[in-house]
Protein backbone atom coordinates (compact mmCIF):
# COMPACT_ATOMS: atom_id res chain seq x y z
CA MET A 1 -54.27 -46.41 -58.28
CA THR A 2 -52.12 -45.31 -55.42
CA ALA A 3 -48.75 -43.65 -55.79
CA LYS A 4 -45.91 -45.40 -54.00
CA THR A 5 -44.20 -43.19 -51.49
CA PRO A 6 -41.19 -44.14 -49.42
CA SER A 7 -42.26 -45.22 -45.96
CA LYS A 8 -39.07 -43.92 -44.36
CA PRO A 9 -37.20 -40.66 -44.82
CA ALA A 10 -33.99 -40.72 -46.84
CA GLY A 11 -31.91 -40.19 -43.70
CA SER A 12 -32.84 -43.58 -42.29
CA ALA A 13 -30.85 -45.58 -44.84
CA SER A 14 -28.20 -46.39 -42.24
CA GLU A 15 -30.91 -47.44 -39.79
CA SER A 16 -32.49 -49.82 -42.29
CA ARG A 17 -29.05 -51.24 -43.08
CA GLU A 18 -28.44 -51.77 -39.38
CA VAL A 19 -31.79 -53.52 -38.98
CA ARG A 20 -31.03 -55.79 -41.95
CA LEU A 21 -27.58 -56.61 -40.57
CA LYS A 22 -29.00 -57.43 -37.13
CA ALA A 23 -31.60 -59.74 -38.69
CA ALA A 24 -28.97 -61.45 -40.83
CA LEU A 25 -26.69 -61.92 -37.82
CA LYS A 26 -29.51 -63.39 -35.76
CA ALA A 27 -30.40 -65.82 -38.56
CA ASN A 28 -26.74 -66.77 -39.00
CA ILE A 29 -26.31 -67.49 -35.29
CA ALA A 30 -29.49 -69.58 -35.22
CA ARG A 31 -28.30 -71.56 -38.25
CA ARG A 32 -24.89 -72.18 -36.69
CA LYS A 33 -26.46 -73.31 -33.41
CA ALA A 34 -28.71 -75.73 -35.29
CA GLN A 35 -25.72 -77.09 -37.22
CA ALA A 36 -23.73 -77.58 -34.01
CA LYS A 37 -26.67 -79.32 -32.37
CA ALA A 38 -27.07 -81.62 -35.37
CA ARG A 39 -23.36 -82.45 -35.35
CA GLY A 40 -23.51 -83.28 -31.65
CA ALA A 41 -26.51 -85.55 -32.18
CA ALA A 42 -24.80 -87.28 -35.09
CA GLU A 43 -21.68 -87.98 -33.01
CA ARG A 44 -23.64 -89.50 -30.10
CA PRO A 45 -26.74 -91.21 -31.50
CA ASP A 46 -27.05 -93.80 -28.68
CA GLU A 47 -26.44 -91.46 -25.75
CA SER A 48 -30.17 -91.05 -25.12
CA ARG A 49 -30.51 -94.83 -24.71
CA LYS A 50 -28.06 -95.05 -21.79
CA GLY A 51 -29.60 -96.06 -18.54
């Protein structure tokens, strides 16, 4: 069996928090963009058929 050792020093707690926050923000922005795109498509379903 192997003993579990922390992969990062104790001083990097703020760095790991910052990395988690950046990832969460990026996911949140992507989700909001997808929602806005879906709303726009729902409002104009026949716009692609114009011609």
